[in-house]
Amino acid sequence: MLRLTLAITLAAVLALPAQAECYADYKAKQDNPLRLHYGVAQVTKCNKAAAKAELAERLAASGWKLLNVLGVFGPEGLEERKASAAEYFLRF
């Protein structure tokens, strides 16, 4: 019985990272010339403030400035945002 309990506990712990998939949708810009985009990116934490800090750094490395994180969501929200994000879907 103890082995079964340990096996179930271990399986649950190993499954946690798969359940923790988190994404954020955001708006960003570049200046000279002005360019705007809406995008979706995978983030490490399902927290809007943490996503904002993470995305600001990633986008800045490619010359973009983060304007706003609109929200954070799990994998269930990806498909409905895919068309709107177009080339910026999971790019950053």
C-alpha atoms as a PDB file:
ATOM      1  CA  MET A   1       0.000   0.000   0.000  1.00  0.00           C
ATOM      2  CA  LEU A   2       2.852   2.377   0.817  1.00  0.00           C
ATOM      3  CA  ARG A   3       4.446   1.772  -2.600  1.00  0.00           C
ATOM      4  CA  LEU A   4       1.152   2.525  -4.331  1.00  0.00           C
ATOM      5  CA  THR A   5       0.783   5.788  -2.406  1.00  0.00           C
ATOM      6  CA  LEU A   6       4.360   6.793  -3.243  1.00  0.00           C
ATOM      7  CA  ALA A   7       3.847   5.930  -6.920  1.00  0.00           C
ATOM      8  CA  ILE A   8       0.664   8.016  -7.104  1.00  0.00           C
ATOM      9  CA  THR A   9       2.336  10.945  -5.347  1.00  0.00           C
ATOM     10  CA  LEU A  10       5.351  10.774  -7.661  1.00  0.00           C
ATOM     11  CA  ALA A  11       3.120  10.643 -10.740  1.00  0.00           C
ATOM     12  CA  ALA A  12       1.186  13.685  -9.527  1.00  0.00           C
ATOM     13  CA  VAL A  13       4.377  15.668  -8.901  1.00  0.00           C
ATOM     14  CA  LEU A  14       5.792  14.794 -12.323  1.00  0.00           C
ATOM     15  CA  ALA A  15       2.539  15.830 -13.998  1.00  0.00           C
ATOM     16  CA  LEU A  16       2.582  19.330 -12.463  1.00  0.00           C
ATOM     17  CA  PRO A  17       4.878  20.961 -15.057  1.00  0.00           C
ATOM     18  CA  ALA A  18       2.594  19.797 -17.865  1.00  0.00           C
ATOM     19  CA  GLN A  19      -0.378  21.434 -16.144  1.00  0.00           C
ATOM     20  CA  ALA A  20       1.506  24.665 -15.586  1.00  0.00           C
ATOM     21  CA  GLU A  21       1.516  25.764 -19.238  1.00  0.00           C
ATOM     22  CA  CYS A  22       0.840  29.462 -19.238  1.00  0.00           C
ATOM     23  CA  TYR A  23       0.524  32.041 -21.997  1.00  0.00           C
ATOM     24  CA  ALA A  24       0.043  35.791 -22.191  1.00  0.00           C
ATOM     25  CA  ASP A  25      -1.401  38.003 -24.877  1.00  0.00           C
ATOM     26  CA  TYR A  26       0.152  41.426 -25.225  1.00  0.00           C
ATOM     27  CA  LYS A  27       0.565  44.549 -27.342  1.00  0.00           C
ATOM     28  CA  ALA A  28       3.967  45.929 -28.341  1.00  0.00           C
ATOM     29  CA  LYS A  29       5.417  48.724 -30.493  1.00  0.00           C
ATOM     30  CA  GLN A  30       8.526  49.868 -32.315  1.00  0.00           C
ATOM     31  CA  ASP A  31       9.366  53.483 -33.135  1.00  0.00           C
ATOM     32  CA  ASN A  32      10.836  55.047 -36.298  1.00  0.00           C
ATOM     33  CA  PRO A  33       8.755  53.998 -38.144  1.00  0.00           C
ATOM     34  CA  LEU A  34       5.914  53.293 -35.755  1.00  0.00           C
ATOM     35  CA  ARG A  35       4.898  49.627 -35.838  1.00  0.00           C
ATOM     36  CA  LEU A  36       2.406  47.910 -33.537  1.00  0.00           C
ATOM     37  CA  HIS A  37       1.638  44.267 -32.971  1.00  0.00           C
ATOM     38  CA  TYR A  38      -0.570  41.977 -30.920  1.00  0.00           C
ATOM     39  CA  GLY A  39       1.040  38.710 -29.890  1.00  0.00           C
ATOM     40  CA  VAL A  40       0.777  35.602 -27.779  1.00  0.00           C
ATOM     41  CA  ALA A  41       3.774  34.182 -25.920  1.00  0.00           C
ATOM     42  CA  GLN A  42       4.412  31.344 -23.522  1.00  0.00           C
ATOM     43  CA  VAL A  43       5.445  32.608 -20.080  1.00  0.00           C
ATOM     44  CA  THR A  44       6.879  30.824 -17.065  1.00  0.00           C
ATOM     45  CA  LYS A  45       4.343  32.067 -14.495  1.00  0.00           C
ATOM     46  CA  CYS A  46       0.567  32.476 -14.727  1.00  0.00           C
ATOM     47  CA  ASN A  47       0.750  35.918 -13.196  1.00  0.00           C
ATOM     48  CA  LYS A  48       0.165  39.126 -15.131  1.00  0.00           C
ATOM     49  CA  ALA A  49       2.911  41.120 -13.366  1.00  0.00           C
ATOM     50  CA  ALA A  50       5.492  38.351 -13.830  1.00  0.00           C
ATOM     51  CA  ALA A  51       4.467  37.931 -17.473  1.00  0.00           C
ATOM     52  CA  LYS A  52       4.883  41.675 -18.010  1.00  0.00           C
ATOM     53  CA  ALA A  53       8.457  41.642 -16.679  1.00  0.00           C
ATOM     54  CA  GLU A  54       9.371  38.520 -18.647  1.00  0.00           C
ATOM     55  CA  LEU A  55       7.893  39.753 -21.932  1.00  0.00           C
ATOM     56  CA  ALA A  56       9.335  43.266 -21.630  1.00  0.00           C
ATOM     57  CA  GLU A  57      12.828  41.779 -21.525  1.00  0.00           C
ATOM     58  CA  ARG A  58      12.223  39.322 -24.382  1.00  0.00           C
ATOM     59  CA  LEU A  59      10.654  41.937 -26.637  1.00  0.00           C
ATOM     60  CA  ALA A  60      13.329  44.546 -25.892  1.00  0.00           C
ATOM     61  CA  ALA A  61      15.992  42.120 -27.108  1.00  0.00           C
ATOM     62  CA  SER A  62      14.329  42.305 -30.539  1.00  0.00           C
ATOM     63  CA  GLY A  63      13.767  46.066 -30.521  1.00  0.00           C
ATOM     64  CA  TRP A  64      10.127  46.037 -29.348  1.00  0.00           C
ATOM     65  CA  LYS A  65       8.627  47.871 -26.373  1.00  0.00           C
ATOM     66  CA  LEU A  66       5.899  46.110 -24.405  1.00  0.00           C
ATOM     67  CA  LEU A  67       2.821  48.291 -24.134  1.00  0.00           C
ATOM     68  CA  ASN A  68       0.483  46.032 -22.183  1.00  0.00           C
ATOM     69  CA  VAL A  69      -0.146  42.466 -21.095  1.00  0.00           C
ATOM     70  CA  LEU A  70      -3.826  41.913 -21.763  1.00  0.00           C
ATOM     71  CA  GLY A  71      -4.118  38.677 -19.813  1.00  0.00           C
ATOM     72  CA  VAL A  72      -2.657  35.312 -18.895  1.00  0.00           C
ATOM     73  CA  PHE A  73      -4.315  31.994 -19.683  1.00  0.00           C
ATOM     74  CA  GLY A  74      -3.732  28.293 -20.123  1.00  0.00           C
ATOM     75  CA  PRO A  75      -3.525  26.226 -23.306  1.00  0.00           C
ATOM     76  CA  GLU A  76      -7.308  26.300 -23.658  1.00  0.00           C
ATOM     77  CA  GLY A  77      -7.103  29.944 -24.799  1.00  0.00           C
ATOM     78  CA  LEU A  78      -4.509  29.483 -27.539  1.00  0.00           C
ATOM     79  CA  GLU A  79      -6.660  28.513 -30.504  1.00  0.00           C
ATOM     80  CA  GLU A  80      -9.024  31.478 -30.220  1.00  0.00           C
ATOM     81  CA  ARG A  81      -6.075  33.925 -30.274  1.00  0.00           C
ATOM     82  CA  LYS A  82      -4.016  32.282 -33.011  1.00  0.00           C
ATOM     83  CA  ALA A  83      -5.537  34.134 -35.982  1.00  0.00           C
ATOM     84  CA  SER A  84      -5.362  37.539 -34.272  1.00  0.00           C
ATOM     85  CA  ALA A  85      -1.697  37.126 -33.317  1.00  0.00           C
ATOM     86  CA  ALA A  86      -0.756  35.848 -36.802  1.00  0.00           C
ATOM     87  CA  GLU A  87       3.055  36.036 -37.215  1.00  0.00           C
ATOM     88  CA  TYR A  88       3.439  36.989 -33.535  1.00  0.00           C
ATOM     89  CA  PHE A  89       1.747  33.812 -32.261  1.00  0.00           C
ATOM     90  CA  LEU A  90       4.309  32.180 -29.935  1.00  0.00           C
ATOM     91  CA  ARG A  91       7.131  34.153 -31.598  1.00  0.00           C
ATOM     92  CA  PHE A  92       8.574  35.701 -28.428  1.00  0.00           C
END
